[in-house]
């Protein structure tokens, strides 16, 4: 299953060596199907290229924190929604860490 790895780093070279990352597997496609009517709500997260690379800088990381908070508050159901919430919480923490450490987040699809 395709997914996106979120990696805390400043360069492509570091990104492919980094061992600490947040892995998203299946959450992106699940959110796309659930949010197809209101894509603007999570636009930054939903528009990530699942087959390519995207660098998220400070402004995008701040937006991503807001999106993670919104996902956490929106998805409160059972099973798959708990996985979505867990992913959003982990990514939210990761974003805060990136800002504190003055790093970028590389979103690399596989």
N, C-alpha and C. Protein backbone atom coordinates (compact mmCIF):
# COMPACT_ATOMS: atom_id res chain seq x y z
N UNK A 1 0.84 -1.18 0.00
CA UNK A 1 0.00 0.00 0.00
C UNK A 1 0.88 1.24 0.00
N UNK A 2 0.51 2.23 -0.79
CA UNK A 2 1.29 3.47 -0.88
C UNK A 2 1.09 4.29 0.38
N UNK A 3 2.13 5.02 0.71
CA UNK A 3 2.07 5.88 1.87
C UNK A 3 3.07 7.00 1.74
N UNK A 4 3.07 7.87 2.72
CA UNK A 4 3.98 9.00 2.75
C UNK A 4 4.76 8.94 4.06
N UNK A 5 6.06 9.11 3.96
CA UNK A 5 6.90 9.21 5.14
C UNK A 5 7.24 10.67 5.37
N UNK A 6 7.04 11.13 6.60
CA UNK A 6 7.37 12.50 6.97
C UNK A 6 8.68 12.46 7.74
N UNK A 7 9.68 13.17 7.22
CA UNK A 7 11.03 13.09 7.76
C UNK A 7 11.50 14.48 8.16
N UNK A 8 12.09 14.57 9.34
CA UNK A 8 12.59 15.82 9.90
C UNK A 8 14.04 16.01 9.48
N UNK A 9 14.30 16.98 8.60
CA UNK A 9 15.65 17.20 8.09
C UNK A 9 15.72 18.52 7.34
N UNK A 10 16.88 18.88 6.87
CA UNK A 10 17.03 20.10 6.08
C UNK A 10 17.49 19.86 4.65
N UNK A 11 17.97 18.66 4.35
CA UNK A 11 18.45 18.39 2.99
C UNK A 11 17.96 17.02 2.51
N UNK A 12 17.92 16.88 1.19
CA UNK A 12 17.53 15.59 0.61
C UNK A 12 18.49 14.49 1.04
N UNK A 13 19.77 14.82 1.08
CA UNK A 13 20.77 13.83 1.46
C UNK A 13 20.51 13.28 2.86
N UNK A 14 20.21 14.18 3.80
CA UNK A 14 19.88 13.76 5.17
C UNK A 14 18.58 12.97 5.21
N UNK A 15 17.62 13.37 4.39
CA UNK A 15 16.30 12.75 4.42
C UNK A 15 16.35 11.25 4.19
N UNK A 16 17.20 10.83 3.28
CA UNK A 16 17.25 9.41 2.94
C UNK A 16 18.11 8.60 3.92
N UNK A 17 18.77 9.28 4.85
CA UNK A 17 19.56 8.59 5.87
C UNK A 17 18.86 8.59 7.22
N UNK A 18 17.88 9.47 7.39
CA UNK A 18 17.21 9.65 8.68
C UNK A 18 16.42 8.41 9.07
N UNK A 19 16.54 8.04 10.32
CA UNK A 19 15.85 6.85 10.82
C UNK A 19 14.60 7.18 11.63
N UNK A 20 14.42 8.45 11.98
CA UNK A 20 13.25 8.86 12.74
C UNK A 20 12.29 9.57 11.79
N UNK A 21 11.09 9.03 11.69
CA UNK A 21 10.10 9.60 10.78
C UNK A 21 8.70 9.18 11.21
N UNK A 22 7.72 9.85 10.62
CA UNK A 22 6.32 9.48 10.82
C UNK A 22 5.86 8.84 9.53
N UNK A 23 5.34 7.63 9.65
CA UNK A 23 4.90 6.89 8.47
C UNK A 23 3.39 6.93 8.37
N UNK A 24 2.93 7.29 7.21
CA UNK A 24 1.51 7.32 6.92
C UNK A 24 1.25 6.23 5.89
N UNK A 25 0.46 5.26 6.25
CA UNK A 25 0.17 4.22 5.29
C UNK A 25 -1.34 4.01 5.22
N UNK A 26 -1.91 4.44 4.11
CA UNK A 26 -3.34 4.27 3.92
C UNK A 26 -4.19 5.41 4.47
N UNK A 27 -3.62 6.24 5.32
CA UNK A 27 -4.38 7.34 5.91
C UNK A 27 -4.71 8.38 4.85
N UNK A 28 -3.74 8.68 3.99
CA UNK A 28 -3.92 9.68 2.95
C UNK A 28 -5.11 9.32 2.05
N UNK A 29 -5.14 8.11 1.55
CA UNK A 29 -6.24 7.69 0.66
C UNK A 29 -7.56 7.64 1.42
N UNK A 30 -7.53 7.25 2.70
CA UNK A 30 -8.75 7.23 3.51
C UNK A 30 -9.30 8.65 3.66
N UNK A 31 -8.43 9.60 3.98
CA UNK A 31 -8.86 11.00 4.13
C UNK A 31 -9.36 11.57 2.81
N UNK A 32 -8.70 11.22 1.71
CA UNK A 32 -9.15 11.68 0.40
C UNK A 32 -10.58 11.23 0.11
N UNK A 33 -10.87 9.98 0.43
CA UNK A 33 -12.21 9.46 0.17
C UNK A 33 -13.25 10.09 1.11
N UNK A 34 -12.87 10.34 2.36
CA UNK A 34 -13.80 10.92 3.33
C UNK A 34 -14.01 12.41 3.11
N UNK A 35 -12.98 13.10 2.64
CA UNK A 35 -13.03 14.55 2.53
C UNK A 35 -13.18 15.06 1.10
N UNK A 36 -13.64 14.20 0.18
CA UNK A 36 -13.73 14.60 -1.22
C UNK A 36 -14.67 15.79 -1.42
N UNK A 37 -15.65 15.94 -0.57
CA UNK A 37 -16.58 17.07 -0.68
C UNK A 37 -15.93 18.35 -0.16
N UNK A 38 -15.19 18.25 0.94
CA UNK A 38 -14.62 19.45 1.56
C UNK A 38 -13.09 19.40 1.56
N UNK A 39 -12.51 19.19 0.39
CA UNK A 39 -11.05 19.06 0.28
C UNK A 39 -10.30 20.28 0.81
N UNK A 40 -10.93 21.43 0.78
CA UNK A 40 -10.25 22.64 1.25
C UNK A 40 -9.91 22.59 2.73
N UNK A 41 -10.60 21.77 3.47
CA UNK A 41 -10.39 21.68 4.90
C UNK A 41 -8.98 21.17 5.25
N UNK A 42 -8.50 20.18 4.52
CA UNK A 42 -7.19 19.59 4.77
C UNK A 42 -6.30 19.67 3.52
N UNK A 43 -6.44 20.74 2.75
CA UNK A 43 -5.83 20.85 1.43
C UNK A 43 -4.32 20.56 1.42
N UNK A 44 -3.57 21.09 2.36
CA UNK A 44 -2.12 20.87 2.37
C UNK A 44 -1.78 19.38 2.51
N UNK A 45 -2.44 18.72 3.42
CA UNK A 45 -2.19 17.30 3.66
C UNK A 45 -2.68 16.44 2.49
N UNK A 46 -3.85 16.76 1.96
CA UNK A 46 -4.44 15.94 0.89
C UNK A 46 -3.76 16.13 -0.46
N UNK A 47 -3.09 17.25 -0.66
CA UNK A 47 -2.45 17.51 -1.95
C UNK A 47 -1.00 17.05 -2.01
N UNK A 48 -0.52 16.36 -0.99
CA UNK A 48 0.84 15.83 -1.03
C UNK A 48 0.94 14.74 -2.10
N UNK A 49 2.05 14.71 -2.79
CA UNK A 49 2.28 13.74 -3.85
C UNK A 49 2.68 12.40 -3.23
N UNK A 50 1.85 11.38 -3.39
CA UNK A 50 2.15 10.08 -2.78
C UNK A 50 3.23 9.32 -3.53
N UNK A 51 3.66 9.86 -4.68
CA UNK A 51 4.72 9.21 -5.45
C UNK A 51 5.98 10.06 -5.55
N UNK A 52 5.96 11.24 -4.96
CA UNK A 52 7.09 12.15 -5.09
C UNK A 52 7.55 12.69 -3.75
N UNK A 53 8.22 13.83 -3.82
CA UNK A 53 8.77 14.45 -2.62
C UNK A 53 8.28 15.88 -2.50
N UNK A 54 7.94 16.27 -1.29
CA UNK A 54 7.52 17.63 -1.01
C UNK A 54 8.27 18.10 0.22
N UNK A 55 8.80 19.31 0.15
CA UNK A 55 9.46 19.89 1.32
C UNK A 55 8.47 20.86 1.96
N UNK A 56 8.24 20.68 3.25
CA UNK A 56 7.37 21.57 3.99
C UNK A 56 8.24 22.49 4.84
N UNK A 57 8.11 23.78 4.56
CA UNK A 57 8.88 24.79 5.28
C UNK A 57 8.06 25.32 6.46
N UNK A 58 8.62 26.25 7.20
CA UNK A 58 8.02 26.77 8.43
C UNK A 58 6.53 27.13 8.28
N UNK A 59 6.17 27.90 7.25
CA UNK A 59 4.77 28.30 7.06
C UNK A 59 3.86 27.09 6.85
N UNK A 60 4.31 26.15 6.02
CA UNK A 60 3.50 24.95 5.77
C UNK A 60 3.42 24.08 7.02
N UNK A 61 4.50 24.04 7.79
CA UNK A 61 4.49 23.25 9.02
C UNK A 61 3.47 23.82 10.01
N UNK A 62 3.40 25.15 10.10
CA UNK A 62 2.39 25.77 10.97
C UNK A 62 0.98 25.44 10.50
N UNK A 63 0.77 25.46 9.19
CA UNK A 63 -0.55 25.10 8.64
C UNK A 63 -0.85 23.63 8.93
N UNK A 64 0.17 22.78 8.82
CA UNK A 64 -0.01 21.35 9.05
C UNK A 64 -0.38 21.07 10.51
N UNK A 65 0.14 21.86 11.43
CA UNK A 65 -0.24 21.71 12.84
C UNK A 65 -1.74 21.97 13.00
N UNK A 66 -2.23 23.03 12.35
CA UNK A 66 -3.67 23.33 12.39
C UNK A 66 -4.50 22.23 11.77
N UNK A 67 -4.01 21.66 10.68
CA UNK A 67 -4.71 20.57 10.01
C UNK A 67 -4.75 19.34 10.91
N UNK A 68 -3.63 19.04 11.56
CA UNK A 68 -3.60 17.89 12.47
C UNK A 68 -4.60 18.07 13.61
N UNK A 69 -4.66 19.28 14.16
CA UNK A 69 -5.63 19.55 15.23
C UNK A 69 -7.05 19.34 14.73
N UNK A 70 -7.32 19.80 13.52
CA UNK A 70 -8.65 19.65 12.94
C UNK A 70 -8.98 18.17 12.69
N UNK A 71 -8.01 17.41 12.21
CA UNK A 71 -8.22 15.97 11.98
C UNK A 71 -8.52 15.28 13.31
N UNK A 72 -7.76 15.62 14.34
CA UNK A 72 -7.95 15.03 15.67
C UNK A 72 -9.36 15.31 16.19
N UNK A 73 -9.84 16.52 15.97
CA UNK A 73 -11.17 16.91 16.45
C UNK A 73 -12.30 16.36 15.59
N UNK A 74 -12.02 16.09 14.31
CA UNK A 74 -13.05 15.61 13.38
C UNK A 74 -13.24 14.10 13.46
N UNK A 75 -12.15 13.36 13.54
CA UNK A 75 -12.21 11.90 13.50
C UNK A 75 -12.16 11.32 14.91
N UNK A 76 -13.34 11.04 15.42
CA UNK A 76 -13.46 10.56 16.80
C UNK A 76 -14.12 9.19 16.89
N UNK A 77 -14.37 8.56 15.75
CA UNK A 77 -15.05 7.27 15.74
C UNK A 77 -14.14 6.11 16.07
N UNK A 78 -14.56 4.95 15.69
CA UNK A 78 -13.86 3.70 16.00
C UNK A 78 -12.90 3.29 14.89
N UNK A 79 -12.16 2.26 15.14
CA UNK A 79 -11.28 1.55 14.20
C UNK A 79 -10.40 2.47 13.35
N UNK A 80 -10.74 2.63 12.08
CA UNK A 80 -9.89 3.38 11.15
C UNK A 80 -9.75 4.84 11.60
N UNK A 81 -10.82 5.40 12.15
CA UNK A 81 -10.74 6.79 12.60
C UNK A 81 -9.77 6.95 13.77
N UNK A 82 -9.62 5.93 14.59
CA UNK A 82 -8.63 5.98 15.67
C UNK A 82 -7.22 5.95 15.11
N UNK A 83 -7.01 5.24 14.02
CA UNK A 83 -5.71 5.22 13.35
C UNK A 83 -5.41 6.59 12.75
N UNK A 84 -6.44 7.22 12.20
CA UNK A 84 -6.30 8.56 11.64
C UNK A 84 -5.91 9.54 12.75
N UNK A 85 -6.61 9.47 13.87
CA UNK A 85 -6.30 10.35 15.02
C UNK A 85 -4.88 10.10 15.54
N UNK A 86 -4.50 8.87 15.64
CA UNK A 86 -3.17 8.52 16.13
C UNK A 86 -2.09 9.09 15.20
N UNK A 87 -2.30 8.93 13.89
CA UNK A 87 -1.38 9.48 12.91
C UNK A 87 -1.30 11.01 13.05
N UNK A 88 -2.46 11.67 13.17
CA UNK A 88 -2.50 13.13 13.27
C UNK A 88 -1.80 13.62 14.54
N UNK A 89 -1.96 12.90 15.64
CA UNK A 89 -1.28 13.27 16.88
C UNK A 89 0.23 13.14 16.74
N UNK A 90 0.66 12.05 16.13
CA UNK A 90 2.10 11.82 15.94
C UNK A 90 2.69 12.87 14.99
N UNK A 91 1.97 13.18 13.91
CA UNK A 91 2.45 14.19 12.96
C UNK A 91 2.45 15.57 13.59
N UNK A 92 1.47 15.87 14.41
CA UNK A 92 1.40 17.15 15.12
C UNK A 92 2.64 17.33 16.01
N UNK A 93 2.96 16.31 16.78
CA UNK A 93 4.15 16.34 17.63
C UNK A 93 5.41 16.53 16.79
N UNK A 94 5.46 15.84 15.66
CA UNK A 94 6.60 15.91 14.75
C UNK A 94 6.76 17.33 14.20
N UNK A 95 5.64 17.97 13.87
CA UNK A 95 5.67 19.35 13.35
C UNK A 95 6.22 20.31 14.40
N UNK A 96 5.76 20.15 15.62
CA UNK A 96 6.25 21.01 16.71
C UNK A 96 7.74 20.80 16.91
N UNK A 97 8.18 19.56 16.84
CA UNK A 97 9.60 19.24 16.95
C UNK A 97 10.40 19.91 15.82
N UNK A 98 9.86 19.88 14.61
CA UNK A 98 10.54 20.51 13.47
C UNK A 98 10.71 22.00 13.70
N UNK A 99 9.69 22.66 14.19
CA UNK A 99 9.78 24.09 14.45
C UNK A 99 10.80 24.40 15.55
N UNK A 100 10.79 23.61 16.60
CA UNK A 100 11.73 23.82 17.71
C UNK A 100 13.17 23.61 17.27
N UNK A 101 13.39 22.63 16.41
CA UNK A 101 14.75 22.30 15.97
C UNK A 101 15.16 23.05 14.70
N UNK A 102 14.25 23.92 14.21
CA UNK A 102 14.50 24.69 12.99
C UNK A 102 14.84 23.79 11.79
N UNK A 103 14.02 22.76 11.65
CA UNK A 103 14.18 21.81 10.54
C UNK A 103 12.97 21.90 9.62
N UNK A 104 13.12 21.32 8.45
CA UNK A 104 12.01 21.19 7.49
C UNK A 104 11.44 19.79 7.65
N UNK A 105 10.28 19.59 7.05
CA UNK A 105 9.73 18.24 6.98
C UNK A 105 9.67 17.84 5.52
N UNK A 106 10.29 16.72 5.21
CA UNK A 106 10.22 16.17 3.87
C UNK A 106 9.10 15.13 3.87
N UNK A 107 8.16 15.29 2.95
CA UNK A 107 7.10 14.30 2.76
C UNK A 107 7.47 13.50 1.52
N UNK A 108 7.86 12.25 1.74
CA UNK A 108 8.36 11.42 0.65
C UNK A 108 7.41 10.24 0.43
N UNK A 109 6.82 10.20 -0.74
CA UNK A 109 5.91 9.12 -1.10
C UNK A 109 6.68 7.89 -1.54
N UNK A 110 6.02 6.74 -1.44
CA UNK A 110 6.69 5.51 -1.88
C UNK A 110 5.87 4.73 -2.85
